[in-house]
Amino acid sequence: MDQSEAFEQAIYRLVETLKHERIQLLAGDMSNLAAIANKKKDDLGIIESHLVRPGSEKIFNAFRPRIAAMQKLAAENEALLASARDGVKSAQDRLEKINKDEQNVGAYNEYGEKLRMHEASITRRKIA
């Protein structure tokens, strides 16, 4: 396999991995993101190793459109990952607020005074 074939295969694998990552993100499935990140890292390593070799400009120029498409996919996935991260953070913040507010909920008597724990057990009475 010559240098350009190995380079082309690495780009193809990376694009396929990015497409798979996109599908996972849109489905809300975060379970495989670590494995996907490792695949991306491996393929990027191969791509970078080809780009630092003498004469790599020729290969880079030959694959410029594919590299641009790959970069576009990566940027789109980055935005999806950021949105997922922000969504998870918002959900965590909301759960924390609910838990905090729940601690502040109490029982009050007819005068608006907060009942102490021993008084709270007698909170229901029949109103005619």
N, C-alpha and C. Protein backbone atom coordinates (compact mmCIF):
# COMPACT_ATOMS: atom_id res chain seq x y z
N MET A 1 0.86 -1.17 0.00
CA MET A 1 0.00 0.00 0.00
C MET A 1 0.91 1.23 0.00
N ASP A 2 0.66 2.14 -0.93
CA ASP A 2 1.50 3.33 -0.98
C ASP A 2 0.97 4.39 -0.01
N GLN A 3 1.73 5.47 0.09
CA GLN A 3 1.44 6.51 1.08
C GLN A 3 0.06 7.12 0.86
N SER A 4 -0.31 7.39 -0.39
CA SER A 4 -1.60 8.04 -0.63
C SER A 4 -2.77 7.11 -0.33
N GLU A 5 -2.60 5.79 -0.56
CA GLU A 5 -3.68 4.85 -0.24
C GLU A 5 -3.92 4.77 1.27
N ALA A 6 -2.83 4.71 2.04
CA ALA A 6 -2.96 4.66 3.50
C ALA A 6 -3.59 5.95 4.01
N PHE A 7 -3.19 7.07 3.45
CA PHE A 7 -3.75 8.37 3.81
C PHE A 7 -5.25 8.40 3.50
N GLU A 8 -5.60 7.95 2.29
CA GLU A 8 -7.00 7.94 1.87
C GLU A 8 -7.84 7.04 2.77
N GLN A 9 -7.32 5.88 3.15
CA GLN A 9 -8.06 4.97 4.02
C GLN A 9 -8.27 5.57 5.41
N ALA A 10 -7.24 6.25 5.90
CA ALA A 10 -7.37 6.89 7.22
C ALA A 10 -8.43 7.99 7.17
N ILE A 11 -8.45 8.76 6.09
CA ILE A 11 -9.48 9.80 5.95
C ILE A 11 -10.86 9.16 5.86
N TYR A 12 -10.99 8.11 5.07
CA TYR A 12 -12.27 7.43 4.93
C TYR A 12 -12.76 6.91 6.29
N ARG A 13 -11.86 6.25 7.04
CA ARG A 13 -12.25 5.72 8.36
C ARG A 13 -12.66 6.85 9.30
N LEU A 14 -11.92 7.95 9.26
CA LEU A 14 -12.25 9.08 10.14
C LEU A 14 -13.60 9.68 9.77
N VAL A 15 -13.87 9.83 8.49
CA VAL A 15 -15.17 10.36 8.06
C VAL A 15 -16.30 9.43 8.50
N GLU A 16 -16.10 8.13 8.35
CA GLU A 16 -17.12 7.17 8.78
C GLU A 16 -17.32 7.22 10.30
N THR A 17 -16.23 7.38 11.03
CA THR A 17 -16.32 7.50 12.49
C THR A 17 -17.07 8.76 12.87
N LEU A 18 -16.80 9.86 12.17
CA LEU A 18 -17.50 11.12 12.45
C LEU A 18 -18.99 11.00 12.14
N LYS A 19 -19.33 10.30 11.06
CA LYS A 19 -20.75 10.08 10.73
C LYS A 19 -21.43 9.25 11.81
N HIS A 20 -20.73 8.20 12.27
CA HIS A 20 -21.27 7.36 13.34
C HIS A 20 -21.45 8.17 14.63
N GLU A 21 -20.47 9.00 14.93
CA GLU A 21 -20.55 9.86 16.12
C GLU A 21 -21.76 10.78 16.02
N ARG A 22 -21.99 11.34 14.87
CA ARG A 22 -23.13 12.24 14.66
C ARG A 22 -24.45 11.51 14.93
N ILE A 23 -24.56 10.31 14.40
CA ILE A 23 -25.77 9.51 14.60
C ILE A 23 -25.98 9.26 16.09
N GLN A 24 -24.92 8.90 16.79
CA GLN A 24 -25.00 8.64 18.23
C GLN A 24 -25.43 9.89 18.99
N LEU A 25 -24.83 11.03 18.63
CA LEU A 25 -25.16 12.28 19.32
C LEU A 25 -26.61 12.69 19.08
N LEU A 26 -27.06 12.57 17.84
CA LEU A 26 -28.45 12.94 17.53
C LEU A 26 -29.45 12.02 18.21
N ALA A 27 -29.04 10.78 18.45
CA ALA A 27 -29.91 9.82 19.14
C ALA A 27 -29.82 9.98 20.66
N GLY A 28 -28.89 10.81 21.12
CA GLY A 28 -28.72 11.00 22.56
C GLY A 28 -27.99 9.85 23.23
N ASP A 29 -27.33 9.02 22.43
CA ASP A 29 -26.60 7.87 22.96
C ASP A 29 -25.14 8.25 23.20
N MET A 30 -24.80 8.45 24.45
CA MET A 30 -23.44 8.87 24.79
C MET A 30 -22.57 7.69 25.23
N SER A 31 -23.11 6.49 25.17
CA SER A 31 -22.42 5.32 25.72
C SER A 31 -21.14 4.95 24.96
N ASN A 32 -21.07 5.27 23.67
CA ASN A 32 -19.90 4.86 22.88
C ASN A 32 -18.95 6.01 22.58
N LEU A 33 -19.14 7.16 23.18
CA LEU A 33 -18.33 8.32 22.82
C LEU A 33 -16.85 8.13 23.14
N ALA A 34 -16.52 7.42 24.19
CA ALA A 34 -15.11 7.18 24.52
C ALA A 34 -14.45 6.32 23.45
N ALA A 35 -15.12 5.28 23.01
CA ALA A 35 -14.57 4.41 21.96
C ALA A 35 -14.44 5.18 20.64
N ILE A 36 -15.43 6.01 20.35
CA ILE A 36 -15.38 6.83 19.13
C ILE A 36 -14.21 7.81 19.20
N ALA A 37 -14.01 8.41 20.36
CA ALA A 37 -12.89 9.35 20.53
C ALA A 37 -11.56 8.64 20.29
N ASN A 38 -11.43 7.40 20.77
CA ASN A 38 -10.19 6.65 20.55
C ASN A 38 -9.97 6.35 19.07
N LYS A 39 -11.04 5.99 18.36
CA LYS A 39 -10.92 5.74 16.92
C LYS A 39 -10.48 7.00 16.19
N LYS A 40 -11.10 8.11 16.55
CA LYS A 40 -10.73 9.38 15.91
C LYS A 40 -9.27 9.71 16.18
N LYS A 41 -8.85 9.50 17.40
CA LYS A 41 -7.46 9.79 17.77
C LYS A 41 -6.49 8.93 16.95
N ASP A 42 -6.80 7.65 16.82
CA ASP A 42 -5.94 6.75 16.03
C ASP A 42 -5.84 7.19 14.58
N ASP A 43 -6.98 7.48 13.96
CA ASP A 43 -6.98 7.88 12.55
C ASP A 43 -6.31 9.24 12.36
N LEU A 44 -6.53 10.16 13.29
CA LEU A 44 -5.85 11.45 13.19
C LEU A 44 -4.34 11.29 13.30
N GLY A 45 -3.90 10.36 14.12
CA GLY A 45 -2.47 10.09 14.23
C GLY A 45 -1.89 9.62 12.92
N ILE A 46 -2.61 8.74 12.23
CA ILE A 46 -2.15 8.26 10.92
C ILE A 46 -2.12 9.40 9.92
N ILE A 47 -3.18 10.19 9.91
CA ILE A 47 -3.25 11.32 8.97
C ILE A 47 -2.11 12.30 9.24
N GLU A 48 -1.90 12.64 10.48
CA GLU A 48 -0.83 13.58 10.83
C GLU A 48 0.54 13.03 10.46
N SER A 49 0.74 11.73 10.65
CA SER A 49 2.04 11.14 10.32
C SER A 49 2.32 11.25 8.82
N HIS A 50 1.28 11.18 8.01
CA HIS A 50 1.46 11.34 6.56
C HIS A 50 1.73 12.79 6.19
N LEU A 51 1.15 13.71 6.94
CA LEU A 51 1.29 15.12 6.60
C LEU A 51 2.65 15.70 6.98
N VAL A 52 3.39 15.04 7.85
CA VAL A 52 4.70 15.55 8.24
C VAL A 52 5.83 14.97 7.39
N ARG A 53 5.50 14.04 6.53
CA ARG A 53 6.52 13.44 5.66
C ARG A 53 6.88 14.38 4.53
N PRO A 54 8.11 14.23 4.02
CA PRO A 54 8.49 15.03 2.85
C PRO A 54 7.57 14.72 1.67
N GLY A 55 7.17 15.75 0.96
CA GLY A 55 6.28 15.59 -0.18
C GLY A 55 4.81 15.50 0.20
N SER A 56 4.48 15.77 1.45
CA SER A 56 3.10 15.63 1.89
C SER A 56 2.18 16.68 1.28
N GLU A 57 2.75 17.79 0.80
CA GLU A 57 1.91 18.83 0.18
C GLU A 57 1.14 18.27 -1.01
N LYS A 58 1.79 17.39 -1.77
CA LYS A 58 1.15 16.79 -2.94
C LYS A 58 -0.06 15.95 -2.52
N ILE A 59 0.12 15.15 -1.48
CA ILE A 59 -0.98 14.31 -0.99
C ILE A 59 -2.08 15.19 -0.41
N PHE A 60 -1.68 16.18 0.38
CA PHE A 60 -2.66 17.07 0.99
C PHE A 60 -3.50 17.75 -0.08
N ASN A 61 -2.85 18.27 -1.10
CA ASN A 61 -3.58 18.96 -2.17
C ASN A 61 -4.51 18.02 -2.93
N ALA A 62 -4.09 16.77 -3.10
CA ALA A 62 -4.93 15.80 -3.80
C ALA A 62 -6.20 15.48 -3.01
N PHE A 63 -6.10 15.54 -1.69
CA PHE A 63 -7.23 15.19 -0.84
C PHE A 63 -7.88 16.40 -0.17
N ARG A 64 -7.55 17.57 -0.63
CA ARG A 64 -8.06 18.80 -0.01
C ARG A 64 -9.59 18.80 0.13
N PRO A 65 -10.36 18.44 -0.92
CA PRO A 65 -11.83 18.44 -0.76
C PRO A 65 -12.32 17.46 0.33
N ARG A 66 -11.71 16.29 0.38
CA ARG A 66 -12.11 15.32 1.41
C ARG A 66 -11.74 15.80 2.81
N ILE A 67 -10.59 16.43 2.90
CA ILE A 67 -10.16 16.96 4.20
C ILE A 67 -11.11 18.08 4.64
N ALA A 68 -11.51 18.93 3.69
CA ALA A 68 -12.45 20.00 4.02
C ALA A 68 -13.79 19.43 4.49
N ALA A 69 -14.27 18.39 3.83
CA ALA A 69 -15.52 17.75 4.23
C ALA A 69 -15.37 17.13 5.63
N MET A 70 -14.22 16.52 5.88
CA MET A 70 -13.95 15.92 7.18
C MET A 70 -13.94 17.00 8.27
N GLN A 71 -13.32 18.12 7.98
CA GLN A 71 -13.27 19.22 8.95
C GLN A 71 -14.67 19.77 9.22
N LYS A 72 -15.50 19.82 8.19
CA LYS A 72 -16.87 20.30 8.37
C LYS A 72 -17.66 19.35 9.27
N LEU A 73 -17.52 18.05 9.03
CA LEU A 73 -18.18 17.06 9.89
C LEU A 73 -17.70 17.18 11.33
N ALA A 74 -16.41 17.34 11.49
CA ALA A 74 -15.84 17.46 12.84
C ALA A 74 -16.38 18.70 13.55
N ALA A 75 -16.49 19.82 12.83
CA ALA A 75 -17.02 21.05 13.43
C ALA A 75 -18.49 20.88 13.82
N GLU A 76 -19.27 20.21 12.97
CA GLU A 76 -20.68 19.97 13.28
C GLU A 76 -20.82 19.09 14.52
N ASN A 77 -19.99 18.05 14.59
CA ASN A 77 -20.04 17.16 15.76
C ASN A 77 -19.58 17.89 17.02
N GLU A 78 -18.62 18.78 16.86
CA GLU A 78 -18.17 19.56 18.01
C GLU A 78 -19.32 20.40 18.57
N ALA A 79 -20.11 20.98 17.68
CA ALA A 79 -21.28 21.76 18.12
C ALA A 79 -22.30 20.87 18.81
N LEU A 80 -22.51 19.67 18.26
CA LEU A 80 -23.45 18.73 18.89
C LEU A 80 -22.95 18.30 20.27
N LEU A 81 -21.65 18.04 20.37
CA LEU A 81 -21.07 17.66 21.66
C LEU A 81 -21.22 18.79 22.68
N ALA A 82 -21.00 20.03 22.23
CA ALA A 82 -21.16 21.18 23.13
C ALA A 82 -22.61 21.30 23.59
N SER A 83 -23.55 21.08 22.68
CA SER A 83 -24.96 21.14 23.04
C SER A 83 -25.32 20.04 24.03
N ALA A 84 -24.80 18.85 23.80
CA ALA A 84 -25.06 17.74 24.72
C ALA A 84 -24.49 18.05 26.10
N ARG A 85 -23.28 18.58 26.12
CA ARG A 85 -22.64 18.95 27.40
C ARG A 85 -23.48 20.00 28.12
N ASP A 86 -23.94 21.02 27.37
CA ASP A 86 -24.75 22.07 27.97
C ASP A 86 -26.08 21.53 28.47
N GLY A 87 -26.67 20.60 27.73
CA GLY A 87 -27.93 19.99 28.15
C GLY A 87 -27.78 19.19 29.43
N VAL A 88 -26.71 18.44 29.52
CA VAL A 88 -26.45 17.66 30.73
C VAL A 88 -26.21 18.60 31.91
N LYS A 89 -25.47 19.66 31.69
CA LYS A 89 -25.19 20.63 32.76
C LYS A 89 -26.50 21.29 33.22
N SER A 90 -27.36 21.65 32.27
CA SER A 90 -28.66 22.26 32.63
C SER A 90 -29.51 21.29 33.44
N ALA A 91 -29.51 20.03 33.04
CA ALA A 91 -30.29 19.02 33.77
C ALA A 91 -29.74 18.85 35.18
N GLN A 92 -28.42 18.82 35.31
CA GLN A 92 -27.82 18.71 36.64
C GLN A 92 -28.18 19.91 37.50
N ASP A 93 -28.08 21.11 36.94
CA ASP A 93 -28.43 22.31 37.68
C ASP A 93 -29.88 22.28 38.12
N ARG A 94 -30.76 21.83 37.23
CA ARG A 94 -32.19 21.77 37.56
C ARG A 94 -32.46 20.77 38.68
N LEU A 95 -31.81 19.61 38.61
CA LEU A 95 -31.98 18.62 39.66
C LEU A 95 -31.47 19.14 41.00
N GLU A 96 -30.36 19.84 40.98
CA GLU A 96 -29.83 20.43 42.21
C GLU A 96 -30.81 21.45 42.78
N LYS A 97 -31.40 22.26 41.90
CA LYS A 97 -32.38 23.26 42.35
C LYS A 97 -33.61 22.58 42.94
N ILE A 98 -34.08 21.54 42.28
CA ILE A 98 -35.24 20.81 42.80
C ILE A 98 -34.93 20.23 44.17
N ASN A 99 -33.77 19.62 44.31
CA ASN A 99 -33.39 19.05 45.62
C ASN A 99 -33.28 20.13 46.67
N LYS A 100 -32.72 21.26 46.31
CA LYS A 100 -32.57 22.37 47.27
C LYS A 100 -33.95 22.92 47.65
N ASP A 101 -34.80 23.14 46.64
CA ASP A 101 -36.13 23.66 46.92
C ASP A 101 -36.96 22.69 47.75
N GLU A 102 -36.74 21.41 47.51
CA GLU A 102 -37.48 20.38 48.25
C GLU A 102 -37.15 20.46 49.74
N GLN A 103 -35.91 20.80 50.05
CA GLN A 103 -35.52 20.92 51.45
C GLN A 103 -36.19 22.12 52.12
N ASN A 104 -36.58 23.12 51.32
CA ASN A 104 -37.19 24.31 51.88
C ASN A 104 -38.71 24.23 51.96
N VAL A 105 -39.28 23.14 51.44
CA VAL A 105 -40.72 22.97 51.49
C VAL A 105 -41.10 22.49 52.88
N GLY A 106 -42.12 23.06 53.41
CA GLY A 106 -42.55 22.66 54.75
C GLY A 106 -44.05 22.75 54.87
N ALA A 107 -44.51 22.52 56.05
CA ALA A 107 -45.93 22.61 56.35
C ALA A 107 -46.17 23.86 57.19
N TYR A 108 -47.30 24.50 56.93
CA TYR A 108 -47.62 25.75 57.61
C TYR A 108 -49.00 25.65 58.23
N ASN A 109 -49.20 26.36 59.32
CA ASN A 109 -50.51 26.36 59.95
C ASN A 109 -51.39 27.43 59.31
N GLU A 110 -52.61 27.58 59.84
CA GLU A 110 -53.55 28.54 59.24
C GLU A 110 -53.09 29.99 59.37
N TYR A 111 -52.10 30.26 60.19
CA TYR A 111 -51.59 31.62 60.37
C TYR A 111 -50.33 31.89 59.52
N GLY A 112 -49.94 30.88 58.73
CA GLY A 112 -48.76 31.04 57.88
C GLY A 112 -47.46 30.77 58.59
N GLU A 113 -47.55 30.27 59.81
CA GLU A 113 -46.34 29.96 60.56
C GLU A 113 -45.89 28.55 60.21
N LYS A 114 -44.59 28.40 60.07
CA LYS A 114 -44.06 27.09 59.74
C LYS A 114 -44.20 26.16 60.94
N LEU A 115 -44.69 24.97 60.67
CA LEU A 115 -44.86 23.98 61.73
C LEU A 115 -43.53 23.32 62.05
N ARG A 116 -43.32 23.09 63.30
CA ARG A 116 -42.15 22.32 63.69
C ARG A 116 -42.46 20.85 63.46
N MET A 117 -41.45 20.03 63.44
CA MET A 117 -41.60 18.63 63.07
C MET A 117 -42.68 17.92 63.90
N HIS A 118 -42.72 18.13 65.20
CA HIS A 118 -43.72 17.42 66.01
C HIS A 118 -45.13 17.93 65.73
N GLU A 119 -45.29 19.17 65.28
CA GLU A 119 -46.60 19.70 64.95
C GLU A 119 -47.03 19.28 63.54
N ALA A 120 -46.09 18.98 62.69
CA ALA A 120 -46.39 18.66 61.29
C ALA A 120 -47.16 17.35 61.14
N SER A 121 -47.07 16.48 62.12
CA SER A 121 -47.78 15.21 62.02
C SER A 121 -49.29 15.41 62.13
N ILE A 122 -49.71 16.54 62.68
CA ILE A 122 -51.14 16.82 62.81
C ILE A 122 -51.46 17.98 61.87
N THR A 123 -51.52 17.70 60.59
CA THR A 123 -51.74 18.78 59.64
C THR A 123 -53.10 18.68 58.95
N ARG A 124 -53.74 17.53 59.04
CA ARG A 124 -55.03 17.40 58.37
C ARG A 124 -56.15 17.45 59.38
N ARG A 125 -57.12 18.27 59.07
CA ARG A 125 -58.33 18.22 59.87
C ARG A 125 -59.49 18.50 58.93
N LYS A 126 -60.59 17.95 59.28
CA LYS A 126 -61.77 18.08 58.45
C LYS A 126 -62.33 19.48 58.56
N ILE A 127 -62.53 20.09 57.40
CA ILE A 127 -63.10 21.43 57.40
C ILE A 127 -64.57 21.30 56.93
N ALA A 128 -65.48 21.79 57.71
CA ALA A 128 -66.91 21.64 57.40
C ALA A 128 -67.37 22.62 56.36
